[in-house]
Amino acid sequence: MKDKVGATPAALELIATLQSEYGPILFHQSGGCCDGSSPMCYAQGDFIVGDQDICLGEIGGAPVYISASQYETWKHTDLLIDVVPGRGGMFSLDNGREIRFLTRSRVCTISDSVPIF
């Protein structure tokens, strides 16, 4: 599968900071239904990737997973992991900081994943 996830420079910077503090990390996209959902960030080993989880690609060396059912909803989108002001979810490594990860999405054509807007 072509990588279906990317990251902004700000997200890559936060990923590098978290990796220096926690070692290897991974992301799991939450079950939110739309743009603005939260990708949860974990130290590898603190979250068990399930048999039904799908790897969308890597950002900053960190794999990004999504559940198969969530992927069915979002399979025609590319995801962009960004950083915005605010606190992350209570189970995410970005928790307690004044910035958090946020998922932005854009709809793509099925054949070549080119944005249609």
N, C-alpha and C. Protein backbone atom coordinates (compact mmCIF):
# COMPACT_ATOMS: atom_id res chain seq x y z
N MET A 1 0.84 -1.18 0.00
CA MET A 1 0.00 0.00 0.00
C MET A 1 0.89 1.24 0.00
N LYS A 2 0.54 2.20 -0.84
CA LYS A 2 1.22 3.49 -0.85
C LYS A 2 1.00 4.15 0.51
N ASP A 3 2.03 4.86 1.00
CA ASP A 3 1.84 5.59 2.25
C ASP A 3 0.60 6.48 2.13
N LYS A 4 -0.27 6.37 3.11
CA LYS A 4 -1.49 7.17 3.13
C LYS A 4 -1.45 8.19 4.25
N VAL A 5 -0.24 8.46 4.74
CA VAL A 5 -0.10 9.39 5.85
C VAL A 5 1.16 10.22 5.66
N GLY A 6 1.08 11.48 6.04
CA GLY A 6 2.22 12.38 6.02
C GLY A 6 2.21 13.20 7.30
N ALA A 7 3.18 14.08 7.44
CA ALA A 7 3.27 14.89 8.65
C ALA A 7 3.79 16.28 8.30
N THR A 8 3.34 17.25 9.05
CA THR A 8 3.83 18.62 8.89
C THR A 8 5.20 18.73 9.55
N PRO A 9 5.97 19.76 9.21
CA PRO A 9 7.26 19.97 9.90
C PRO A 9 7.10 20.06 11.42
N ALA A 10 6.05 20.71 11.90
CA ALA A 10 5.83 20.82 13.35
C ALA A 10 5.59 19.45 13.97
N ALA A 11 4.85 18.60 13.29
CA ALA A 11 4.60 17.25 13.81
C ALA A 11 5.89 16.45 13.83
N LEU A 12 6.69 16.56 12.77
CA LEU A 12 7.96 15.84 12.74
C LEU A 12 8.89 16.29 13.86
N GLU A 13 8.86 17.57 14.18
CA GLU A 13 9.68 18.09 15.28
C GLU A 13 9.22 17.50 16.62
N LEU A 14 7.91 17.45 16.85
CA LEU A 14 7.40 16.87 18.10
C LEU A 14 7.69 15.37 18.15
N ILE A 15 7.58 14.68 17.03
CA ILE A 15 7.90 13.25 16.98
C ILE A 15 9.36 13.03 17.39
N ALA A 16 10.27 13.83 16.85
CA ALA A 16 11.69 13.70 17.20
C ALA A 16 11.91 13.93 18.69
N THR A 17 11.23 14.93 19.25
CA THR A 17 11.34 15.21 20.69
C THR A 17 10.84 14.02 21.51
N LEU A 18 9.68 13.47 21.14
CA LEU A 18 9.13 12.34 21.88
C LEU A 18 10.03 11.10 21.75
N GLN A 19 10.60 10.89 20.56
CA GLN A 19 11.50 9.75 20.38
C GLN A 19 12.76 9.90 21.23
N SER A 20 13.24 11.12 21.40
CA SER A 20 14.42 11.32 22.25
C SER A 20 14.09 11.06 23.72
N GLU A 21 12.84 11.28 24.10
CA GLU A 21 12.42 11.05 25.49
C GLU A 21 11.99 9.61 25.75
N TYR A 22 11.31 8.99 24.80
CA TYR A 22 10.67 7.68 25.03
C TYR A 22 11.23 6.55 24.17
N GLY A 23 12.10 6.84 23.23
CA GLY A 23 12.55 5.81 22.30
C GLY A 23 11.54 5.66 21.17
N PRO A 24 11.52 4.50 20.51
CA PRO A 24 10.61 4.32 19.37
C PRO A 24 9.15 4.51 19.77
N ILE A 25 8.41 5.19 18.91
CA ILE A 25 6.99 5.45 19.16
C ILE A 25 6.17 4.96 17.98
N LEU A 26 4.86 4.90 18.20
CA LEU A 26 3.93 4.59 17.13
C LEU A 26 2.67 5.41 17.33
N PHE A 27 1.89 5.51 16.27
CA PHE A 27 0.61 6.21 16.32
C PHE A 27 -0.50 5.22 16.01
N HIS A 28 -1.64 5.45 16.66
CA HIS A 28 -2.86 4.73 16.30
C HIS A 28 -3.96 5.77 16.17
N GLN A 29 -4.56 5.82 14.99
CA GLN A 29 -5.61 6.80 14.74
C GLN A 29 -6.84 6.46 15.55
N SER A 30 -7.35 7.46 16.26
CA SER A 30 -8.55 7.25 17.07
C SER A 30 -9.74 6.98 16.18
N GLY A 31 -10.84 6.59 16.78
CA GLY A 31 -12.06 6.27 16.04
C GLY A 31 -12.89 7.47 15.67
N GLY A 32 -12.33 8.67 15.67
CA GLY A 32 -13.09 9.84 15.27
C GLY A 32 -13.60 9.71 13.85
N CYS A 33 -14.63 10.45 13.54
CA CYS A 33 -15.30 10.25 12.26
C CYS A 33 -14.85 11.22 11.18
N CYS A 34 -14.05 12.20 11.51
CA CYS A 34 -13.83 13.23 10.51
C CYS A 34 -12.52 13.97 10.76
N ASP A 35 -12.26 14.94 9.87
CA ASP A 35 -11.10 15.81 10.00
C ASP A 35 -11.03 16.36 11.42
N GLY A 36 -9.86 16.39 12.00
CA GLY A 36 -9.69 16.92 13.34
C GLY A 36 -9.65 15.85 14.41
N SER A 37 -9.70 14.59 14.03
CA SER A 37 -9.62 13.51 15.01
C SER A 37 -8.20 13.43 15.57
N SER A 38 -8.07 12.75 16.68
CA SER A 38 -6.77 12.68 17.35
C SER A 38 -6.03 11.39 17.07
N PRO A 39 -4.81 11.49 16.57
CA PRO A 39 -3.97 10.30 16.51
C PRO A 39 -3.32 10.11 17.88
N MET A 40 -3.44 8.93 18.43
CA MET A 40 -2.85 8.66 19.74
C MET A 40 -1.41 8.20 19.54
N CYS A 41 -0.51 8.72 20.36
CA CYS A 41 0.91 8.44 20.25
C CYS A 41 1.35 7.61 21.46
N TYR A 42 2.03 6.51 21.20
CA TYR A 42 2.45 5.59 22.26
C TYR A 42 3.92 5.22 22.09
N ALA A 43 4.58 4.92 23.20
CA ALA A 43 5.89 4.28 23.12
C ALA A 43 5.65 2.88 22.57
N GLN A 44 6.49 2.45 21.63
CA GLN A 44 6.31 1.09 21.09
C GLN A 44 6.42 0.11 22.26
N GLY A 45 5.52 -0.80 22.32
CA GLY A 45 5.45 -1.75 23.43
C GLY A 45 4.37 -1.39 24.43
N ASP A 46 3.95 -0.12 24.46
CA ASP A 46 2.87 0.29 25.36
C ASP A 46 1.50 0.13 24.72
N PHE A 47 1.47 -0.11 23.41
CA PHE A 47 0.22 -0.33 22.70
C PHE A 47 0.41 -1.56 21.83
N ILE A 48 -0.49 -2.51 21.96
CA ILE A 48 -0.40 -3.73 21.16
C ILE A 48 -1.23 -3.53 19.90
N VAL A 49 -0.55 -3.58 18.77
CA VAL A 49 -1.22 -3.46 17.49
C VAL A 49 -1.99 -4.75 17.25
N GLY A 50 -3.29 -4.61 16.90
CA GLY A 50 -4.13 -5.77 16.70
C GLY A 50 -3.99 -6.38 15.31
N ASP A 51 -4.45 -7.61 15.18
CA ASP A 51 -4.41 -8.30 13.89
C ASP A 51 -5.21 -7.57 12.83
N GLN A 52 -6.21 -6.82 13.23
CA GLN A 52 -7.07 -6.11 12.29
C GLN A 52 -6.63 -4.67 12.04
N ASP A 53 -5.55 -4.24 12.68
CA ASP A 53 -5.04 -2.89 12.45
C ASP A 53 -4.25 -2.84 11.15
N ILE A 54 -4.33 -1.73 10.47
CA ILE A 54 -3.67 -1.53 9.18
C ILE A 54 -2.62 -0.44 9.34
N CYS A 55 -1.43 -0.68 8.83
CA CYS A 55 -0.37 0.33 8.86
C CYS A 55 -0.54 1.23 7.64
N LEU A 56 -0.71 2.52 7.89
CA LEU A 56 -0.89 3.50 6.82
C LEU A 56 0.43 4.00 6.25
N GLY A 57 1.52 3.77 6.97
CA GLY A 57 2.83 4.26 6.58
C GLY A 57 3.59 4.70 7.81
N GLU A 58 4.65 5.47 7.60
CA GLU A 58 5.47 5.98 8.70
C GLU A 58 5.64 7.49 8.56
N ILE A 59 5.75 8.14 9.70
CA ILE A 59 6.09 9.56 9.75
C ILE A 59 7.22 9.73 10.75
N GLY A 60 8.30 10.33 10.34
CA GLY A 60 9.44 10.51 11.23
C GLY A 60 9.96 9.21 11.80
N GLY A 61 9.80 8.11 11.06
CA GLY A 61 10.24 6.81 11.54
C GLY A 61 9.25 6.10 12.44
N ALA A 62 8.10 6.72 12.69
CA ALA A 62 7.08 6.12 13.56
C ALA A 62 5.93 5.56 12.71
N PRO A 63 5.61 4.28 12.86
CA PRO A 63 4.49 3.73 12.09
C PRO A 63 3.16 4.31 12.57
N VAL A 64 2.22 4.41 11.62
CA VAL A 64 0.88 4.94 11.91
C VAL A 64 -0.13 3.85 11.55
N TYR A 65 -0.94 3.44 12.54
CA TYR A 65 -1.92 2.38 12.36
C TYR A 65 -3.34 2.94 12.50
N ILE A 66 -4.27 2.19 11.93
CA ILE A 66 -5.69 2.50 12.03
C ILE A 66 -6.44 1.17 12.06
N SER A 67 -7.56 1.11 12.76
CA SER A 67 -8.32 -0.13 12.78
C SER A 67 -8.90 -0.40 11.40
N ALA A 68 -9.13 -1.66 11.09
CA ALA A 68 -9.67 -2.02 9.78
C ALA A 68 -11.03 -1.38 9.55
N SER A 69 -11.86 -1.32 10.57
CA SER A 69 -13.19 -0.71 10.40
C SER A 69 -13.07 0.80 10.15
N GLN A 70 -12.16 1.46 10.83
CA GLN A 70 -11.95 2.89 10.60
C GLN A 70 -11.35 3.12 9.22
N TYR A 71 -10.46 2.22 8.81
CA TYR A 71 -9.86 2.34 7.49
C TYR A 71 -10.93 2.27 6.40
N GLU A 72 -11.92 1.42 6.58
CA GLU A 72 -13.01 1.33 5.60
C GLU A 72 -13.69 2.69 5.41
N THR A 73 -13.83 3.44 6.48
CA THR A 73 -14.44 4.77 6.40
C THR A 73 -13.51 5.76 5.72
N TRP A 74 -12.21 5.64 5.97
CA TRP A 74 -11.24 6.65 5.51
C TRP A 74 -10.36 6.18 4.36
N LYS A 75 -10.66 5.06 3.73
CA LYS A 75 -9.74 4.50 2.73
C LYS A 75 -9.56 5.39 1.50
N HIS A 76 -10.43 6.32 1.27
CA HIS A 76 -10.30 7.22 0.12
C HIS A 76 -9.73 8.58 0.53
N THR A 77 -9.01 8.59 1.63
CA THR A 77 -8.39 9.83 2.10
C THR A 77 -6.90 9.61 2.36
N ASP A 78 -6.16 10.68 2.27
CA ASP A 78 -4.79 10.71 2.77
C ASP A 78 -4.84 11.50 4.06
N LEU A 79 -4.07 11.07 5.05
CA LEU A 79 -4.06 11.73 6.34
C LEU A 79 -2.78 12.54 6.50
N LEU A 80 -2.91 13.68 7.13
CA LEU A 80 -1.77 14.54 7.44
C LEU A 80 -1.79 14.77 8.95
N ILE A 81 -0.73 14.34 9.61
CA ILE A 81 -0.62 14.53 11.06
C ILE A 81 0.01 15.90 11.29
N ASP A 82 -0.66 16.69 12.10
CA ASP A 82 -0.25 18.06 12.36
C ASP A 82 -0.16 18.25 13.87
N VAL A 83 0.27 19.42 14.29
CA VAL A 83 0.35 19.80 15.70
C VAL A 83 -0.43 21.10 15.87
N VAL A 84 -1.25 21.15 16.92
CA VAL A 84 -2.05 22.35 17.21
C VAL A 84 -1.96 22.65 18.70
N PRO A 85 -2.28 23.87 19.10
CA PRO A 85 -2.29 24.19 20.53
C PRO A 85 -3.34 23.36 21.27
N GLY A 86 -3.04 23.03 22.51
CA GLY A 86 -3.97 22.28 23.34
C GLY A 86 -3.31 21.04 23.91
N ARG A 87 -4.05 20.35 24.75
CA ARG A 87 -3.53 19.13 25.39
C ARG A 87 -4.04 17.90 24.68
N GLY A 88 -3.18 16.90 24.58
CA GLY A 88 -3.54 15.65 23.92
C GLY A 88 -4.40 14.78 24.82
N GLY A 89 -4.81 13.65 24.29
CA GLY A 89 -5.62 12.69 25.04
C GLY A 89 -4.85 12.12 26.21
N MET A 90 -5.57 11.62 27.20
CA MET A 90 -4.92 11.17 28.43
C MET A 90 -4.01 9.97 28.22
N PHE A 91 -4.15 9.23 27.11
CA PHE A 91 -3.30 8.08 26.88
C PHE A 91 -2.24 8.33 25.82
N SER A 92 -2.10 9.56 25.37
CA SER A 92 -1.14 9.88 24.32
C SER A 92 0.09 10.52 24.94
N LEU A 93 1.27 10.21 24.37
CA LEU A 93 2.52 10.76 24.90
C LEU A 93 2.58 12.28 24.83
N ASP A 94 1.77 12.89 23.96
CA ASP A 94 1.79 14.35 23.87
C ASP A 94 0.98 14.99 25.00
N ASN A 95 0.34 14.18 25.84
CA ASN A 95 -0.44 14.68 26.95
C ASN A 95 0.44 15.49 27.91
N GLY A 96 -0.11 16.55 28.43
CA GLY A 96 0.62 17.37 29.39
C GLY A 96 1.43 18.47 28.75
N ARG A 97 1.51 18.49 27.44
CA ARG A 97 2.21 19.55 26.73
C ARG A 97 1.17 20.58 26.32
N GLU A 98 1.61 21.68 25.84
CA GLU A 98 0.67 22.71 25.39
C GLU A 98 0.37 22.59 23.90
N ILE A 99 0.83 21.50 23.30
CA ILE A 99 0.53 21.20 21.90
C ILE A 99 0.12 19.74 21.80
N ARG A 100 -0.63 19.41 20.75
CA ARG A 100 -1.08 18.04 20.58
C ARG A 100 -1.13 17.69 19.10
N PHE A 101 -1.15 16.40 18.82
CA PHE A 101 -1.28 15.94 17.45
C PHE A 101 -2.74 16.04 17.01
N LEU A 102 -2.93 16.27 15.73
CA LEU A 102 -4.27 16.37 15.13
C LEU A 102 -4.19 15.77 13.74
N THR A 103 -5.22 15.05 13.33
CA THR A 103 -5.26 14.47 11.99
C THR A 103 -6.10 15.35 11.08
N ARG A 104 -5.52 15.69 9.95
CA ARG A 104 -6.24 16.38 8.89
C ARG A 104 -6.35 15.39 7.74
N SER A 105 -7.42 15.48 6.97
CA SER A 105 -7.61 14.52 5.88
C SER A 105 -8.02 15.24 4.61
N ARG A 106 -7.74 14.58 3.49
CA ARG A 106 -8.22 15.09 2.21
C ARG A 106 -8.62 13.91 1.35
N VAL A 107 -9.75 14.07 0.70
CA VAL A 107 -10.29 13.01 -0.14
C VAL A 107 -9.46 12.90 -1.40
N CYS A 108 -9.20 11.66 -1.84
CA CYS A 108 -8.38 11.40 -3.00
C CYS A 108 -9.12 10.49 -3.95
N THR A 109 -8.68 10.47 -5.20
CA THR A 109 -9.25 9.53 -6.16
C THR A 109 -8.78 8.14 -5.80
N ILE A 110 -9.53 7.15 -6.13
CA ILE A 110 -9.20 5.78 -5.80
C ILE A 110 -7.97 5.33 -6.57
N SER A 111 -7.85 5.70 -7.83
CA SER A 111 -6.81 5.16 -8.69
C SER A 111 -5.41 5.66 -8.37
N ASP A 112 -5.26 6.94 -8.07
CA ASP A 112 -3.90 7.45 -7.93
C ASP A 112 -3.67 8.30 -6.69
N SER A 113 -4.65 8.37 -5.82
CA SER A 113 -4.52 9.09 -4.57
C SER A 113 -4.14 10.56 -4.78
N VAL A 114 -4.64 11.16 -5.85
CA VAL A 114 -4.42 12.58 -6.11
C VAL A 114 -5.56 13.35 -5.46
N PRO A 115 -5.27 14.38 -4.69
CA PRO A 115 -6.34 15.15 -4.06
C PRO A 115 -7.34 15.66 -5.11
N ILE A 116 -8.61 15.61 -4.77
CA ILE A 116 -9.62 16.10 -5.70
C ILE A 116 -10.14 17.48 -5.30
N PHE A 117 -9.61 18.04 -4.24
CA PHE A 117 -9.92 19.43 -3.90
C PHE A 117 -8.75 20.06 -3.21
